[in-house]
Amino acid sequence: MSAYIGYSVENNADLALLEPADPYESELQIMAETLGYFRLSARREFDMVPTYIHHHLFRALIQNLRSKMSQAILGSPGQMEQKAAWYLAEDPNEAKKRAALEGEQAVLTKAVKLLHDFAGF
């Protein structure tokens, strides 16, 4: 029938174009956008509740875990300084190696300076 009056209708979307425009189209569009906004906002609020709970639970867990770990590693408050010094102490063999390397570095730096002075740099 539509081909008879000069319209070529290929699918339902083309058929909808033949309908007259709805006089409340702009109002319906605004209502749809507003409804979508509030649905999205409500969903976001619902998603924030577990996030808020996790945040506070993890914060409490981290504070508790930190104190328990420091107590396990460093011991009682009277032993903390001694244990911290023991953990931070340098291995004697490594200290000897470091001192030897620093000595070699000083000799090489002096040699480079002498070569530059000799070459006139």
N, C-alpha and C. Protein backbone atom coordinates (compact mmCIF):
# COMPACT_ATOMS: atom_id res chain seq x y z
N MET A 1 0.82 -1.19 0.00
CA MET A 1 0.00 0.00 0.00
C MET A 1 0.87 1.25 0.00
N SER A 2 1.96 1.25 0.83
CA SER A 2 2.80 2.44 0.90
C SER A 2 3.52 2.68 -0.42
N ALA A 3 3.86 1.61 -1.12
CA ALA A 3 4.51 1.78 -2.41
C ALA A 3 3.55 2.42 -3.41
N TYR A 4 2.30 2.20 -3.23
CA TYR A 4 1.28 2.74 -4.12
C TYR A 4 1.21 4.26 -4.02
N ILE A 5 1.41 4.80 -2.79
CA ILE A 5 1.33 6.25 -2.63
C ILE A 5 2.70 6.91 -2.73
N GLY A 6 3.74 6.14 -3.05
CA GLY A 6 5.04 6.73 -3.34
C GLY A 6 6.07 6.59 -2.24
N TYR A 7 5.79 5.81 -1.21
CA TYR A 7 6.74 5.60 -0.13
C TYR A 7 7.32 4.20 -0.22
N SER A 8 8.62 4.13 -0.03
CA SER A 8 9.28 2.83 -0.01
C SER A 8 9.61 2.48 1.43
N VAL A 9 8.93 1.49 1.99
CA VAL A 9 9.13 1.09 3.38
C VAL A 9 9.91 -0.21 3.39
N GLU A 10 11.13 -0.17 3.95
CA GLU A 10 11.99 -1.34 3.97
C GLU A 10 11.90 -2.08 5.31
N ASN A 11 11.70 -1.33 6.41
CA ASN A 11 11.65 -1.95 7.72
C ASN A 11 10.71 -1.16 8.63
N ASN A 12 10.61 -1.59 9.89
CA ASN A 12 9.69 -0.94 10.82
C ASN A 12 10.12 0.48 11.17
N ALA A 13 11.42 0.76 11.15
CA ALA A 13 11.89 2.11 11.45
C ALA A 13 11.41 3.09 10.39
N ASP A 14 11.42 2.66 9.13
CA ASP A 14 10.91 3.52 8.06
C ASP A 14 9.41 3.71 8.20
N LEU A 15 8.73 2.68 8.66
CA LEU A 15 7.29 2.76 8.84
C LEU A 15 6.94 3.76 9.93
N ALA A 16 7.77 3.84 10.98
CA ALA A 16 7.52 4.79 12.07
C ALA A 16 7.67 6.22 11.60
N LEU A 17 8.48 6.45 10.58
CA LEU A 17 8.66 7.80 10.06
C LEU A 17 7.41 8.32 9.36
N LEU A 18 6.54 7.43 8.93
CA LEU A 18 5.31 7.84 8.27
C LEU A 18 4.25 8.33 9.26
N GLU A 19 4.41 7.98 10.54
CA GLU A 19 3.46 8.43 11.56
C GLU A 19 3.64 9.93 11.79
N PRO A 20 2.58 10.61 12.13
CA PRO A 20 2.74 12.03 12.46
C PRO A 20 3.50 12.17 13.78
N ALA A 21 4.21 13.27 13.94
CA ALA A 21 5.01 13.50 15.15
C ALA A 21 4.11 13.62 16.36
N ASP A 22 4.56 13.08 17.48
CA ASP A 22 3.80 13.17 18.73
C ASP A 22 3.90 14.60 19.25
N PRO A 23 2.79 15.22 19.60
CA PRO A 23 2.86 16.62 20.07
C PRO A 23 3.59 16.75 21.41
N TYR A 24 3.74 15.67 22.15
CA TYR A 24 4.40 15.71 23.45
C TYR A 24 5.80 15.09 23.39
N GLU A 25 6.38 15.04 22.22
CA GLU A 25 7.68 14.40 22.06
C GLU A 25 8.76 15.05 22.93
N SER A 26 8.83 16.37 22.96
CA SER A 26 9.86 17.03 23.76
C SER A 26 9.65 16.78 25.25
N GLU A 27 8.39 16.80 25.71
CA GLU A 27 8.12 16.52 27.11
C GLU A 27 8.49 15.08 27.46
N LEU A 28 8.16 14.14 26.57
CA LEU A 28 8.51 12.75 26.80
C LEU A 28 10.02 12.56 26.85
N GLN A 29 10.75 13.27 26.01
CA GLN A 29 12.21 13.19 25.98
C GLN A 29 12.79 13.70 27.30
N ILE A 30 12.28 14.82 27.79
CA ILE A 30 12.76 15.38 29.06
C ILE A 30 12.45 14.42 30.21
N MET A 31 11.25 13.84 30.20
CA MET A 31 10.88 12.89 31.25
C MET A 31 11.78 11.66 31.21
N ALA A 32 12.09 11.16 30.03
CA ALA A 32 12.95 9.99 29.90
C ALA A 32 14.36 10.28 30.40
N GLU A 33 14.89 11.44 30.04
CA GLU A 33 16.23 11.80 30.49
C GLU A 33 16.27 11.99 32.01
N THR A 34 15.24 12.62 32.56
CA THR A 34 15.18 12.83 34.01
C THR A 34 15.08 11.49 34.74
N LEU A 35 14.23 10.61 34.24
CA LEU A 35 14.09 9.29 34.85
C LEU A 35 15.40 8.52 34.77
N GLY A 36 16.07 8.58 33.65
CA GLY A 36 17.36 7.90 33.52
C GLY A 36 18.39 8.46 34.48
N TYR A 37 18.39 9.78 34.65
CA TYR A 37 19.34 10.41 35.58
C TYR A 37 19.10 9.92 37.00
N PHE A 38 17.84 9.94 37.44
CA PHE A 38 17.56 9.54 38.81
C PHE A 38 17.76 8.04 39.03
N ARG A 39 17.50 7.23 38.04
CA ARG A 39 17.78 5.80 38.19
C ARG A 39 19.28 5.56 38.33
N LEU A 40 20.06 6.26 37.51
CA LEU A 40 21.51 6.13 37.59
C LEU A 40 22.04 6.64 38.93
N SER A 41 21.48 7.77 39.41
CA SER A 41 21.91 8.31 40.70
C SER A 41 21.57 7.35 41.83
N ALA A 42 20.39 6.76 41.80
CA ALA A 42 19.99 5.81 42.84
C ALA A 42 20.89 4.59 42.81
N ARG A 43 21.21 4.11 41.63
CA ARG A 43 22.09 2.94 41.52
C ARG A 43 23.48 3.27 42.06
N ARG A 44 23.94 4.48 41.77
CA ARG A 44 25.26 4.88 42.27
C ARG A 44 25.25 4.95 43.80
N GLU A 45 24.18 5.47 44.37
CA GLU A 45 24.08 5.52 45.83
C GLU A 45 24.07 4.12 46.42
N PHE A 46 23.34 3.22 45.79
CA PHE A 46 23.30 1.84 46.28
C PHE A 46 24.68 1.20 46.18
N ASP A 47 25.45 1.53 45.15
CA ASP A 47 26.79 0.98 45.00
C ASP A 47 27.77 1.59 45.99
N MET A 48 27.50 2.81 46.46
CA MET A 48 28.40 3.48 47.38
C MET A 48 28.32 2.90 48.79
N VAL A 49 27.20 2.32 49.16
CA VAL A 49 27.05 1.79 50.52
C VAL A 49 28.07 0.69 50.80
N PRO A 50 28.19 -0.36 49.95
CA PRO A 50 29.22 -1.37 50.22
C PRO A 50 30.64 -0.80 50.15
N THR A 51 30.86 0.16 49.26
CA THR A 51 32.18 0.77 49.15
C THR A 51 32.53 1.50 50.44
N TYR A 52 31.58 2.21 51.00
CA TYR A 52 31.78 2.93 52.25
C TYR A 52 32.08 1.95 53.38
N ILE A 53 31.33 0.87 53.44
CA ILE A 53 31.55 -0.14 54.48
C ILE A 53 32.93 -0.77 54.32
N HIS A 54 33.31 -1.14 53.10
CA HIS A 54 34.63 -1.73 52.86
C HIS A 54 35.73 -0.77 53.27
N HIS A 55 35.56 0.50 52.95
CA HIS A 55 36.57 1.51 53.28
C HIS A 55 36.83 1.53 54.78
N HIS A 56 35.77 1.60 55.56
CA HIS A 56 35.94 1.68 57.01
C HIS A 56 36.44 0.36 57.60
N LEU A 57 36.00 -0.76 57.07
CA LEU A 57 36.49 -2.05 57.56
C LEU A 57 37.97 -2.22 57.25
N PHE A 58 38.38 -1.87 56.03
CA PHE A 58 39.78 -2.02 55.67
C PHE A 58 40.67 -1.05 56.44
N ARG A 59 40.17 0.15 56.71
CA ARG A 59 40.96 1.10 57.49
C ARG A 59 41.22 0.54 58.88
N ALA A 60 40.18 0.00 59.52
CA ALA A 60 40.34 -0.59 60.85
C ALA A 60 41.27 -1.81 60.79
N LEU A 61 41.12 -2.62 59.75
CA LEU A 61 41.98 -3.79 59.60
C LEU A 61 43.44 -3.39 59.43
N ILE A 62 43.69 -2.37 58.62
CA ILE A 62 45.07 -1.93 58.36
C ILE A 62 45.70 -1.39 59.64
N GLN A 63 44.95 -0.59 60.41
CA GLN A 63 45.52 -0.06 61.65
C GLN A 63 45.82 -1.19 62.64
N ASN A 64 44.92 -2.14 62.73
CA ASN A 64 45.14 -3.27 63.64
C ASN A 64 46.31 -4.12 63.16
N LEU A 65 46.36 -4.37 61.86
CA LEU A 65 47.43 -5.18 61.29
C LEU A 65 48.79 -4.51 61.46
N ARG A 66 48.83 -3.20 61.27
CA ARG A 66 50.10 -2.48 61.41
C ARG A 66 50.63 -2.59 62.84
N SER A 67 49.76 -2.40 63.81
CA SER A 67 50.24 -2.48 65.19
C SER A 67 50.66 -3.90 65.54
N LYS A 68 49.91 -4.90 65.08
CA LYS A 68 50.27 -6.29 65.37
C LYS A 68 51.59 -6.68 64.71
N MET A 69 51.80 -6.23 63.46
CA MET A 69 53.04 -6.57 62.76
C MET A 69 54.24 -5.89 63.39
N SER A 70 54.09 -4.61 63.75
CA SER A 70 55.23 -3.93 64.38
C SER A 70 55.55 -4.55 65.72
N GLN A 71 54.52 -4.99 66.44
CA GLN A 71 54.75 -5.65 67.72
C GLN A 71 55.43 -7.00 67.51
N ALA A 72 55.03 -7.74 66.45
CA ALA A 72 55.64 -9.04 66.19
C ALA A 72 57.09 -8.89 65.73
N ILE A 73 57.36 -7.87 64.93
CA ILE A 73 58.72 -7.69 64.39
C ILE A 73 59.64 -7.04 65.41
N LEU A 74 59.16 -5.98 66.05
CA LEU A 74 60.04 -5.22 66.94
C LEU A 74 59.90 -5.60 68.41
N GLY A 75 58.87 -6.35 68.77
CA GLY A 75 58.70 -6.79 70.15
C GLY A 75 58.07 -5.71 71.01
N SER A 76 58.34 -5.78 72.29
CA SER A 76 57.76 -4.82 73.24
C SER A 76 58.41 -3.46 73.06
N PRO A 77 57.76 -2.41 73.57
CA PRO A 77 58.33 -1.06 73.40
C PRO A 77 59.75 -0.91 73.95
N GLY A 78 60.11 -1.65 74.98
CA GLY A 78 61.47 -1.56 75.52
C GLY A 78 62.51 -2.16 74.60
N GLN A 79 62.13 -3.12 73.76
CA GLN A 79 63.07 -3.79 72.86
C GLN A 79 63.11 -3.17 71.46
N MET A 80 62.22 -2.23 71.18
CA MET A 80 62.09 -1.70 69.82
C MET A 80 63.39 -1.09 69.30
N GLU A 81 64.05 -0.27 70.12
CA GLU A 81 65.26 0.39 69.65
C GLU A 81 66.37 -0.62 69.37
N GLN A 82 66.51 -1.60 70.23
CA GLN A 82 67.55 -2.62 70.05
C GLN A 82 67.27 -3.46 68.80
N LYS A 83 66.02 -3.89 68.64
CA LYS A 83 65.70 -4.70 67.47
C LYS A 83 65.80 -3.90 66.18
N ALA A 84 65.36 -2.63 66.21
CA ALA A 84 65.48 -1.79 65.02
C ALA A 84 66.94 -1.61 64.64
N ALA A 85 67.80 -1.39 65.63
CA ALA A 85 69.24 -1.24 65.35
C ALA A 85 69.81 -2.54 64.79
N TRP A 86 69.35 -3.67 65.32
CA TRP A 86 69.82 -4.97 64.82
C TRP A 86 69.39 -5.18 63.37
N TYR A 87 68.11 -4.84 63.04
CA TYR A 87 67.63 -5.00 61.67
C TYR A 87 68.34 -4.07 60.70
N LEU A 88 68.71 -2.88 61.18
CA LEU A 88 69.33 -1.89 60.30
C LEU A 88 70.85 -1.98 60.26
N ALA A 89 71.44 -2.81 61.08
CA ALA A 89 72.89 -2.94 61.12
C ALA A 89 73.41 -3.54 59.82
N GLU A 90 74.56 -3.02 59.40
CA GLU A 90 75.17 -3.50 58.17
C GLU A 90 75.99 -4.76 58.46
N ASP A 91 75.92 -5.70 57.54
CA ASP A 91 76.69 -6.94 57.66
C ASP A 91 78.18 -6.57 57.65
N PRO A 92 79.00 -7.12 58.56
CA PRO A 92 80.43 -6.76 58.61
C PRO A 92 81.17 -7.06 57.30
N ASN A 93 80.84 -8.16 56.64
CA ASN A 93 81.51 -8.47 55.36
C ASN A 93 81.15 -7.42 54.31
N GLU A 94 79.88 -7.02 54.30
CA GLU A 94 79.46 -6.00 53.33
C GLU A 94 80.11 -4.66 53.65
N ALA A 95 80.28 -4.35 54.93
CA ALA A 95 80.94 -3.11 55.32
C ALA A 95 82.39 -3.09 54.82
N LYS A 96 83.09 -4.24 54.92
CA LYS A 96 84.46 -4.32 54.41
C LYS A 96 84.50 -4.13 52.91
N LYS A 97 83.57 -4.78 52.19
CA LYS A 97 83.52 -4.63 50.73
C LYS A 97 83.24 -3.18 50.35
N ARG A 98 82.29 -2.55 51.06
CA ARG A 98 81.95 -1.16 50.77
C ARG A 98 83.15 -0.25 51.00
N ALA A 99 83.88 -0.46 52.09
CA ALA A 99 85.06 0.37 52.38
C ALA A 99 86.12 0.17 51.31
N ALA A 100 86.32 -1.07 50.86
CA ALA A 100 87.32 -1.33 49.82
C ALA A 100 86.92 -0.64 48.51
N LEU A 101 85.65 -0.75 48.16
CA LEU A 101 85.18 -0.10 46.93
C LEU A 101 85.27 1.41 47.01
N GLU A 102 84.99 1.97 48.18
CA GLU A 102 85.12 3.42 48.34
C GLU A 102 86.58 3.85 48.19
N GLY A 103 87.51 3.03 48.69
CA GLY A 103 88.93 3.32 48.54
C GLY A 103 89.34 3.28 47.07
N GLU A 104 88.88 2.25 46.34
CA GLU A 104 89.18 2.16 44.91
C GLU A 104 88.60 3.35 44.15
N GLN A 105 87.39 3.74 44.54
CA GLN A 105 86.76 4.88 43.87
C GLN A 105 87.57 6.15 44.10
N ALA A 106 88.09 6.34 45.30
CA ALA A 106 88.90 7.52 45.59
C ALA A 106 90.17 7.52 44.75
N VAL A 107 90.83 6.35 44.62
CA VAL A 107 92.05 6.25 43.82
C VAL A 107 91.75 6.55 42.35
N LEU A 108 90.68 5.97 41.83
CA LEU A 108 90.32 6.20 40.43
C LEU A 108 89.93 7.65 40.17
N THR A 109 89.21 8.25 41.11
CA THR A 109 88.84 9.66 40.95
C THR A 109 90.08 10.54 40.92
N LYS A 110 91.05 10.22 41.77
CA LYS A 110 92.31 10.98 41.79
C LYS A 110 93.07 10.78 40.48
N ALA A 111 93.05 9.55 39.94
CA ALA A 111 93.75 9.27 38.68
C ALA A 111 93.10 10.04 37.53
N VAL A 112 91.78 10.08 37.51
CA VAL A 112 91.08 10.83 36.45
C VAL A 112 91.43 12.31 36.55
N LYS A 113 91.48 12.84 37.76
CA LYS A 113 91.82 14.26 37.93
C LYS A 113 93.24 14.53 37.44
N LEU A 114 94.18 13.63 37.75
CA LEU A 114 95.56 13.83 37.29
C LEU A 114 95.65 13.78 35.77
N LEU A 115 94.91 12.83 35.16
CA LEU A 115 94.90 12.76 33.68
C LEU A 115 94.31 14.01 33.05
N HIS A 116 93.26 14.54 33.66
CA HIS A 116 92.68 15.78 33.12
C HIS A 116 93.63 16.94 33.26
N ASP A 117 94.32 17.00 34.40
CA ASP A 117 95.29 18.08 34.61
C ASP A 117 96.45 17.94 33.61
N PHE A 118 96.89 16.72 33.36
CA PHE A 118 97.99 16.48 32.43
C PHE A 118 97.57 16.82 30.99
N ALA A 119 96.33 16.49 30.65
CA ALA A 119 95.87 16.74 29.28
C ALA A 119 95.46 18.20 29.09
N GLY A 120 95.27 18.93 30.16
CA GLY A 120 94.93 20.34 30.05
C GLY A 120 93.42 20.59 29.95
N PHE A 121 92.63 19.70 30.43
CA PHE A 121 91.17 19.92 30.39
C PHE A 121 90.76 20.83 31.47
